[in-house]
Each structure stands twice: as C-alpha cells, then as structure tokens.
Amino acid sequence: MRTLVTINREAVRRNVASVYDRSNKEIFAVVKNNAYNLGMREMVETLMDAGVRHFAVAEMYEAIEIKTNFPDSYCLAMNPVDTFDDARKYGIALGIASSEWVERHADELSGIELHLKVNVGMNRFGISSLEEAEAVLALSVKHDLKLTGLYTHFPLADEPEADHDSQVDAFVTIADALRARHVFDYIHSENSATLVKRDPRLAFCNYVRPGIFLFGYSPIEAMDWLVPSLRMTTEVVMIRDVAPGKHVGYGTSFTTETATRVAMLPVGYGDGVVRARKALPVIINGKTYPIISKLFMSHTFVAVDDDVAVGDEVVLYGDGIEIDDITRTGAANNSEQMCARSWRLAHRYI
C-alpha cells in the first residue's frame, strides 16, 4: 500500500467528549458527504459509541444509510426532498425549506417529523421572516403536522469581521416568538464555529450541531483541544538528480536554480491531494521537505537531500502538518481537503 489513509476513531471519541464538556448540550452531529469523507458507517458507529444519537445530513440517501445500519439513531435530512414514503418508512426527520414547500406538500407530510429552518443570511433554505414562520406554524396546526424541530445555520460565524451578531439576533427574535406558541423538542443552531463563542443568547437551544470539530479540525482559529483524526502517508518511488536550469514537471512552473535532488511521490490531485497542499512541506524521516512544481493528477515532486531514499515513508497529513495548517495559509479549506480525498486509496481505521 504505497499511499495509506489512517483514520483514528479514538480521536473522534475524544473530540465528542470535548464538545460535550464545552457546550453542556446534546450533539446533533453533522455527517453529510460521507461524514466529511471519513466513512459514514464507521464514523456514525464511532460517534454512537461516544454517546451521540442524533445526526444531520444533506440528502435522503445519506439518512437512509444511517437508519438502515443504525435504526436506533435519529436522523435529519436538511435538503428539500419529495420522497416522503421513504421518510416515513425509515423514520427520517425533514428540514422545512420554505412555507411554500410545506403548503405544497402538506397532504404528504403526515407522520413525518419536521424541523423548521430559519434563514438568517445564508439564503439557501429556510423561512426568512416571522410572518413566514407563522404561516408554517398555522399549516402545521391545520394539517396536524409533527413540527418537532427549530434550527438555523450561521454563515458568518467563522468570519472575524463579519456581522455574525445580527444574524444571532434575527434567529432569537423569530425563535422566541415561535417558542411562545409551540413546543419544540429539538432546537439547534450552533455549528462548530458558533459553538466556541458560548453565546448566552443561544442558551435556549438544547442541541449543538457541530460537524468538522468532531473530526478534529477547526474552521476558525486553532483549538488545542481538538485531536486530528486523519493521517495520510505515501512513499518515495523514484529519485532523480536534476541539473540547474531544468524544468520539473509539466510546463515551466518550476525551474531548478541549482542542482536539485527530486523525489517522486505516487499521489496527486486525482487521489484528492488538493493542489493547494503545496503551500506546506511534507515530512520524510522526521524532516520537512518542500513540494516543488505543481501537483499532478498522479504525482507530486519534492526537493530532497541525500538523507532520503526510495521507499521512505512520506507524511502528507499528520505528525505536525495538519489539514488545519494548510487551511490557514489561505490556499485551501478543511472541508475541501477532506472531501477531495479518493476512496481508491487504501484506508484503515484504528
């Protein structure tokens, strides 16, 4: 196995414990896109071992996968759907995208738990005013719908200079008005970036809804209590001594200024190592070496010295160079790097 991805379940369990400690609330774990591409079944199993029972995904097929393998779990599909028989069959809760969606499908929603989403600025899904929220409440009463959840998403929580506070105020205003008229079993608004703010205005929420924190990565500043869950290694497959003034790789993006020893790695963007990974070095035998030229579909070039030999292990992620570090160069982001990785690579869980 030249290239190996190792996913640490204990790291995930430790992150869950840390989120519990810092929030003092139950967790609605976001596991969309194959649990941030760490493996849906494996990660849900790990999260359930750590005490998590509630999960949020984007699509119905993801929710069905969870409920099929973990029937005791609770699952919310957040994207608008029209496969209502599946929702009833598997006991999947659905997010409300708009009052118009509820009105159009009211006769088909019997027996399905519904979570009302409030749009505070993402402008993706959800009701955008108290009037629209009240219309949904009226429809739920008229059609005897199971309106059990209330939630939002704060899109500015990880932007330091953005007006996150006004979005919190917008949610609280609508939530307070609705809570005075209806009892919600699940109220969740705090994503990973919001969770650490410990905003007293959101004390009425009984769940937090983290995603990437659970897997050991932060969308904002570094968190020393997070434990990275992914390690990715490959190996040197060839070393070539290149004379000064020679191009390395496609085109002319890198030209040697002096005699350079170049190691070839058998992994590239076709395997999900994003080109922005070039922003930081790799680790070989405990020493850092720079990536040179562009990353290619199946190869990466590294400038090395005489201490490196064919067959040596190369650390792409882990051992002090983490996904977070590359994110903070501004060249990529955490979720992009995690989701890009190919499952054609060998994976193991420890």
Protein backbone atom coordinates (compact mmCIF):
# COMPACT_ATOMS: atom_id res chain seq x y z
CA MET A 1 0.00 0.00 0.00
CA ARG A 2 2.03 2.93 -1.26
CA THR A 3 -0.48 5.52 -0.13
CA LEU A 4 -2.41 4.93 3.07
CA VAL A 5 -5.10 6.92 4.88
CA THR A 6 -5.39 6.13 8.59
CA ILE A 7 -8.48 7.33 10.47
CA ASN A 8 -8.29 7.40 14.25
CA ARG A 9 -11.61 6.54 15.93
CA GLU A 10 -10.28 7.41 19.38
CA ALA A 11 -9.53 10.94 18.17
CA VAL A 12 -13.19 11.30 17.19
CA ARG A 13 -14.36 10.00 20.55
CA ARG A 14 -12.10 12.46 22.34
CA ASN A 15 -13.43 15.35 20.23
CA VAL A 16 -17.01 14.36 21.08
CA ALA A 17 -16.14 14.42 24.78
CA SER A 18 -14.56 17.86 24.39
CA VAL A 19 -17.62 19.25 22.61
CA TYR A 20 -19.87 17.90 25.36
CA ASP A 21 -17.64 19.48 28.01
CA ARG A 22 -17.63 22.88 26.31
CA SER A 23 -21.30 23.07 25.35
CA ASN A 24 -23.11 21.14 28.09
CA LYS A 25 -25.66 20.28 25.41
CA GLU A 26 -26.59 17.21 23.42
CA ILE A 27 -24.97 16.84 19.99
CA PHE A 28 -26.66 16.82 16.60
CA ALA A 29 -23.69 15.56 14.60
CA VAL A 30 -23.35 16.74 11.00
CA VAL A 31 -22.12 13.77 8.97
CA LYS A 32 -23.02 14.82 5.43
CA ASN A 33 -20.85 13.89 2.44
CA ASN A 34 -19.81 10.51 3.82
CA ALA A 35 -19.05 12.03 7.23
CA TYR A 36 -16.67 14.58 5.76
CA ASN A 37 -15.29 11.74 3.63
CA LEU A 38 -14.11 9.74 6.64
CA GLY A 39 -16.64 6.95 6.08
CA MET A 40 -20.32 7.24 7.02
CA ARG A 41 -20.85 3.88 8.72
CA GLU A 42 -17.55 3.90 10.55
CA MET A 43 -17.94 7.46 11.81
CA VAL A 44 -21.59 7.09 12.84
CA GLU A 45 -20.69 3.92 14.71
CA THR A 46 -17.81 5.74 16.42
CA LEU A 47 -20.00 8.73 17.29
CA MET A 48 -22.69 6.46 18.71
CA ASP A 49 -20.06 4.69 20.81
CA ALA A 50 -19.26 8.15 22.18
CA GLY A 51 -22.88 8.81 23.10
CA VAL A 52 -24.17 10.71 20.04
CA ARG A 53 -27.61 9.62 18.83
CA HIS A 54 -28.71 12.48 16.57
CA PHE A 55 -27.35 13.07 13.08
CA ALA A 56 -27.86 15.68 10.37
CA VAL A 57 -27.16 15.04 6.68
CA ALA A 58 -27.83 16.84 3.42
CA GLU A 59 -29.57 14.16 1.36
CA MET A 60 -32.17 11.45 1.92
CA TYR A 61 -29.88 8.65 0.71
CA GLU A 62 -27.42 9.55 3.45
CA ALA A 63 -30.17 9.43 6.05
CA ILE A 64 -31.37 6.06 4.74
CA GLU A 65 -27.83 4.68 5.02
CA ILE A 66 -27.65 5.76 8.66
CA LYS A 67 -31.11 4.49 9.62
CA THR A 68 -30.58 1.18 7.81
CA ASN A 69 -27.37 0.47 9.70
CA PHE A 70 -28.23 2.25 12.96
CA PRO A 71 -32.01 2.02 13.46
CA ASP A 72 -31.77 3.47 16.98
CA SER A 73 -30.32 6.73 15.65
CA TYR A 74 -32.27 9.92 14.93
CA CYS A 75 -31.60 11.46 11.54
CA LEU A 76 -32.49 14.80 9.92
CA ALA A 77 -32.25 15.28 6.15
CA MET A 78 -31.78 19.01 5.63
CA ASN A 79 -32.13 19.41 1.85
CA PRO A 80 -35.67 19.72 0.40
CA VAL A 81 -36.99 16.27 -0.57
CA ASP A 82 -40.10 14.78 -2.10
CA THR A 83 -39.54 11.12 -1.20
CA PHE A 84 -41.96 11.21 1.71
CA ASP A 85 -42.69 7.48 1.76
CA ASP A 86 -39.00 6.85 2.45
CA ALA A 87 -39.05 9.38 5.27
CA ARG A 88 -41.97 7.56 6.88
CA LYS A 89 -40.54 4.09 6.23
CA TYR A 90 -37.18 4.84 7.84
CA GLY A 91 -38.34 7.40 10.41
CA ILE A 92 -36.33 10.28 8.98
CA ALA A 93 -36.99 13.88 10.00
CA LEU A 94 -37.07 16.50 7.26
CA GLY A 95 -35.94 20.11 7.18
CA ILE A 96 -38.51 22.70 6.09
CA ALA A 97 -37.14 24.71 3.20
CA SER A 98 -39.93 27.31 2.98
CA SER A 99 -43.58 27.91 3.80
CA GLU A 100 -44.37 27.26 0.14
CA TRP A 101 -42.76 23.79 0.42
CA VAL A 102 -44.96 22.96 3.40
CA GLU A 103 -48.09 24.25 1.69
CA ARG A 104 -47.33 22.29 -1.49
CA HIS A 105 -46.66 19.02 0.32
CA ALA A 106 -48.87 19.33 3.41
CA ASP A 107 -51.04 16.35 2.46
CA GLU A 108 -47.93 14.17 2.03
CA LEU A 109 -46.19 15.03 5.31
CA SER A 110 -48.40 13.11 7.71
CA GLY A 111 -46.40 11.17 10.31
CA ILE A 112 -43.07 12.77 9.40
CA GLU A 113 -41.14 14.83 11.93
CA LEU A 114 -40.32 18.29 10.61
CA HIS A 115 -37.64 20.80 11.61
CA LEU A 116 -38.31 24.42 10.71
CA LYS A 117 -35.20 26.16 9.42
CA VAL A 118 -34.79 29.91 9.85
CA ASN A 119 -32.79 31.72 7.17
CA VAL A 120 -30.66 34.42 8.81
CA GLY A 121 -28.49 35.28 5.82
CA MET A 122 -27.25 32.14 4.09
CA ASN A 123 -30.16 32.46 1.63
CA ARG A 124 -30.07 28.77 0.90
CA PHE A 125 -33.06 27.15 2.64
CA GLY A 126 -35.45 28.21 5.36
CA ILE A 127 -38.10 30.78 6.20
CA SER A 128 -36.89 34.39 6.11
CA SER A 129 -39.37 36.25 8.29
CA LEU A 130 -41.58 35.86 11.32
CA GLU A 131 -44.61 36.11 9.05
CA GLU A 132 -43.42 33.12 7.01
CA ALA A 133 -42.64 31.21 10.21
CA GLU A 134 -46.14 31.88 11.50
CA ALA A 135 -47.55 30.63 8.19
CA VAL A 136 -45.68 27.35 8.69
CA LEU A 137 -46.98 27.13 12.25
CA ALA A 138 -50.54 27.66 11.02
CA LEU A 139 -50.12 24.99 8.34
CA SER A 140 -48.75 22.53 10.88
CA VAL A 141 -51.82 23.05 13.07
CA LYS A 142 -54.24 22.87 10.15
CA HIS A 143 -52.77 19.63 8.79
CA ASP A 144 -51.77 18.13 12.16
CA LEU A 145 -48.09 18.01 11.18
CA LYS A 146 -45.32 16.88 13.53
CA LEU A 147 -43.30 20.08 13.89
CA THR A 148 -40.66 18.95 16.39
CA GLY A 149 -37.54 20.93 15.48
CA LEU A 150 -36.33 24.51 15.04
CA TYR A 151 -32.89 25.42 13.69
CA THR A 152 -30.72 27.77 11.68
CA HIS A 153 -27.24 27.99 10.21
CA PHE A 154 -24.92 30.92 10.93
CA PRO A 155 -22.86 31.53 7.75
CA LEU A 156 -20.79 34.36 9.23
CA ALA A 157 -19.67 32.58 12.40
CA ASP A 158 -16.19 31.85 11.02
CA GLU A 159 -15.65 35.33 9.52
CA PRO A 160 -13.85 37.52 12.12
CA GLU A 161 -15.03 40.90 10.84
CA ALA A 162 -18.49 39.88 9.68
CA ASP A 163 -21.78 40.80 11.35
CA HIS A 164 -22.50 37.46 12.98
CA ASP A 165 -24.23 39.12 15.95
CA SER A 166 -27.11 40.48 13.89
CA GLN A 167 -27.75 37.01 12.50
CA VAL A 168 -27.96 35.60 16.02
CA ASP A 169 -30.40 38.37 16.93
CA ALA A 170 -32.51 37.55 13.86
CA PHE A 171 -32.77 33.89 14.86
CA VAL A 172 -33.51 34.67 18.50
CA THR A 173 -36.30 37.09 17.57
CA ILE A 174 -38.11 34.53 15.44
CA ALA A 175 -37.34 31.63 17.80
CA ASP A 176 -38.68 33.48 20.84
CA ALA A 177 -41.94 34.28 19.07
CA LEU A 178 -42.41 30.69 17.93
CA ARG A 179 -41.44 29.15 21.26
CA ALA A 180 -44.14 31.20 22.94
CA ARG A 181 -46.72 29.40 20.80
CA HIS A 182 -45.24 25.95 20.15
CA VAL A 183 -43.07 23.40 21.97
CA PHE A 184 -40.04 22.19 20.01
CA ASP A 185 -38.22 19.01 21.07
CA TYR A 186 -35.08 19.90 19.15
CA ILE A 187 -33.62 23.40 18.87
CA HIS A 188 -30.17 23.53 17.27
CA SER A 189 -28.20 26.42 15.83
CA GLU A 190 -24.59 26.25 16.99
CA ASN A 191 -22.28 24.89 14.31
CA SER A 192 -18.59 24.33 15.09
CA ALA A 193 -17.60 27.99 14.68
CA THR A 194 -20.54 29.22 16.76
CA LEU A 195 -20.16 26.63 19.50
CA VAL A 196 -16.94 28.09 20.90
CA LYS A 197 -18.50 31.55 21.25
CA ARG A 198 -20.69 30.26 24.11
CA ASP A 199 -23.25 32.89 23.21
CA PRO A 200 -25.73 33.31 26.11
CA ARG A 201 -28.41 34.41 23.63
CA LEU A 202 -28.49 30.80 22.38
CA ALA A 203 -28.88 29.20 25.80
CA PHE A 204 -32.43 28.12 24.86
CA CYS A 205 -31.02 25.75 22.21
CA ASN A 206 -30.86 22.24 23.64
CA TYR A 207 -28.55 20.82 20.98
CA VAL A 208 -25.34 21.94 19.30
CA ARG A 209 -24.76 20.93 15.68
CA PRO A 210 -21.03 20.57 15.05
CA GLY A 211 -19.51 18.91 12.02
CA ILE A 212 -15.82 19.32 11.42
CA PHE A 213 -14.96 19.80 15.13
CA LEU A 214 -15.95 16.19 15.73
CA PHE A 215 -13.22 15.06 13.36
CA GLY A 216 -10.51 17.21 14.86
CA TYR A 217 -10.35 20.28 12.64
CA SER A 218 -11.32 23.91 13.17
CA PRO A 219 -12.87 26.33 10.64
CA ILE A 220 -11.60 29.23 12.74
CA GLU A 221 -8.53 29.65 14.94
CA ALA A 222 -6.57 26.62 16.12
CA MET A 223 -8.14 24.73 19.01
CA ASP A 224 -5.55 22.95 21.13
CA TRP A 225 -8.21 20.57 22.47
CA LEU A 226 -9.10 19.15 19.06
CA VAL A 227 -7.44 15.87 18.05
CA PRO A 228 -6.90 15.42 14.26
CA SER A 229 -8.42 12.14 13.11
CA LEU A 230 -6.74 11.68 9.71
CA ARG A 231 -3.19 10.72 8.80
CA MET A 232 -2.17 10.27 5.17
CA THR A 233 1.13 8.80 4.05
CA THR A 234 2.73 7.74 0.82
CA GLU A 235 6.27 6.78 -0.20
CA VAL A 236 9.13 7.85 -2.43
CA VAL A 237 9.02 5.81 -5.67
CA MET A 238 11.88 7.46 -7.54
CA ILE A 239 14.65 10.00 -7.03
CA ARG A 240 16.23 11.95 -9.86
CA ASP A 241 19.16 14.37 -9.81
CA VAL A 242 18.23 17.36 -11.94
CA ALA A 243 20.81 19.82 -13.27
CA PRO A 244 20.48 23.61 -12.85
CA GLY A 245 18.20 25.43 -15.27
CA LYS A 246 15.94 22.44 -15.97
CA HIS A 247 12.16 22.35 -15.80
CA VAL A 248 10.48 19.89 -13.46
CA GLY A 249 7.01 18.63 -14.32
CA TYR A 250 4.58 19.96 -16.90
CA GLY A 251 5.26 23.34 -18.42
CA THR A 252 7.65 25.79 -16.86
CA SER A 253 6.07 26.30 -13.44
CA PHE A 254 9.27 25.16 -11.71
CA THR A 255 12.83 25.53 -12.96
CA THR A 256 15.83 24.45 -10.91
CA GLU A 257 18.22 27.22 -9.93
CA THR A 258 20.86 24.80 -8.67
CA ALA A 259 21.43 21.06 -8.90
CA THR A 260 18.37 19.57 -7.22
CA ARG A 261 17.54 16.10 -5.93
CA VAL A 262 13.88 15.47 -6.75
CA ALA A 263 11.77 12.72 -5.17
CA MET A 264 8.63 11.50 -6.94
CA LEU A 265 5.55 10.58 -4.88
CA PRO A 266 2.82 8.37 -6.45
CA VAL A 267 -0.09 10.56 -5.40
CA GLY A 268 -1.68 13.73 -6.75
CA TYR A 269 -4.88 15.67 -7.20
CA GLY A 270 -6.51 12.63 -8.84
CA ASP A 271 -6.24 10.98 -5.43
CA GLY A 272 -7.64 14.03 -3.68
CA VAL A 273 -4.46 15.77 -2.59
CA VAL A 274 -5.53 19.30 -3.49
CA ARG A 275 -3.05 21.45 -5.38
CA ALA A 276 -3.08 23.94 -2.53
CA ARG A 277 -1.33 21.26 -0.45
CA LYS A 278 1.86 22.66 -1.99
CA ALA A 279 1.68 25.56 0.48
CA LEU A 280 3.39 23.49 3.19
CA PRO A 281 6.13 20.83 3.13
CA VAL A 282 5.90 17.08 3.61
CA ILE A 283 7.70 15.08 6.30
CA ILE A 284 10.22 12.36 5.49
CA ASN A 285 12.16 10.64 8.28
CA GLY A 286 11.12 13.39 10.69
CA LYS A 287 12.41 16.21 8.47
CA THR A 288 10.44 18.64 6.31
CA TYR A 289 10.94 18.96 2.56
CA PRO A 290 9.22 21.38 0.14
CA ILE A 291 6.84 20.38 -2.62
CA ILE A 292 8.03 21.79 -5.94
CA SER A 293 6.33 22.33 -9.28
CA LYS A 294 2.58 21.78 -9.48
CA LEU A 295 0.81 18.77 -8.07
CA PHE A 296 -0.17 16.47 -10.91
CA MET A 297 -3.01 14.01 -11.27
CA SER A 298 -0.97 11.05 -10.05
CA HIS A 299 2.33 12.51 -8.84
CA THR A 300 3.89 15.07 -6.53
CA PHE A 301 7.51 16.27 -6.70
CA VAL A 302 9.54 17.07 -3.59
CA ALA A 303 13.02 18.60 -3.33
CA VAL A 304 15.04 16.34 -1.01
CA ASP A 305 18.59 15.70 0.16
CA ASP A 306 20.85 12.66 0.47
CA ASP A 307 19.01 11.51 3.61
CA VAL A 308 16.01 10.45 1.53
CA ALA A 309 15.84 7.11 -0.30
CA VAL A 310 13.37 5.26 -2.50
CA GLY A 311 10.81 3.51 -0.30
CA ASP A 312 10.91 6.07 2.52
CA GLU A 313 7.55 6.97 4.06
CA VAL A 314 6.24 10.46 3.31
CA VAL A 315 3.70 12.12 5.60
CA LEU A 316 1.22 14.30 3.71
CA TYR A 317 -1.17 14.93 6.61
CA GLY A 318 -0.30 14.27 10.23
CA ASP A 319 2.73 14.39 12.52
CA GLY A 320 2.56 18.17 12.89
CA ILE A 321 1.43 19.19 9.41
CA GLU A 322 -2.34 19.05 9.63
CA ILE A 323 -5.24 19.93 7.39
CA ASP A 324 -5.81 22.99 9.58
CA ASP A 325 -2.31 24.29 8.89
CA ILE A 326 -2.88 24.25 5.15
CA THR A 327 -6.27 25.90 5.61
CA ARG A 328 -4.68 28.78 7.49
CA THR A 329 -2.29 29.52 4.64
CA GLY A 330 -5.42 30.69 2.78
CA ALA A 331 -4.73 28.23 -0.02
CA ALA A 332 -7.49 25.70 0.78
CA ASN A 333 -10.01 24.89 3.48
CA ASN A 334 -10.55 21.97 5.81
CA SER A 335 -13.69 20.53 4.26
CA GLU A 336 -12.33 20.83 0.74
CA GLN A 337 -9.21 18.84 1.62
CA MET A 338 -11.15 16.16 3.43
CA CYS A 339 -13.84 15.73 0.80
CA ALA A 340 -11.41 15.71 -2.13
CA ARG A 341 -9.63 12.54 -0.99
CA SER A 342 -10.26 9.48 -3.16
CA TRP A 343 -11.57 6.22 -1.72
CA ARG A 344 -9.47 4.35 -4.27
CA LEU A 345 -6.65 4.85 -1.78
CA ALA A 346 -6.13 2.25 0.94
CA HIS A 347 -7.92 3.18 4.17
CA ARG A 348 -7.68 1.74 7.65
CA TYR A 349 -9.32 2.54 10.98
CA ILE A 350 -7.55 2.36 14.30
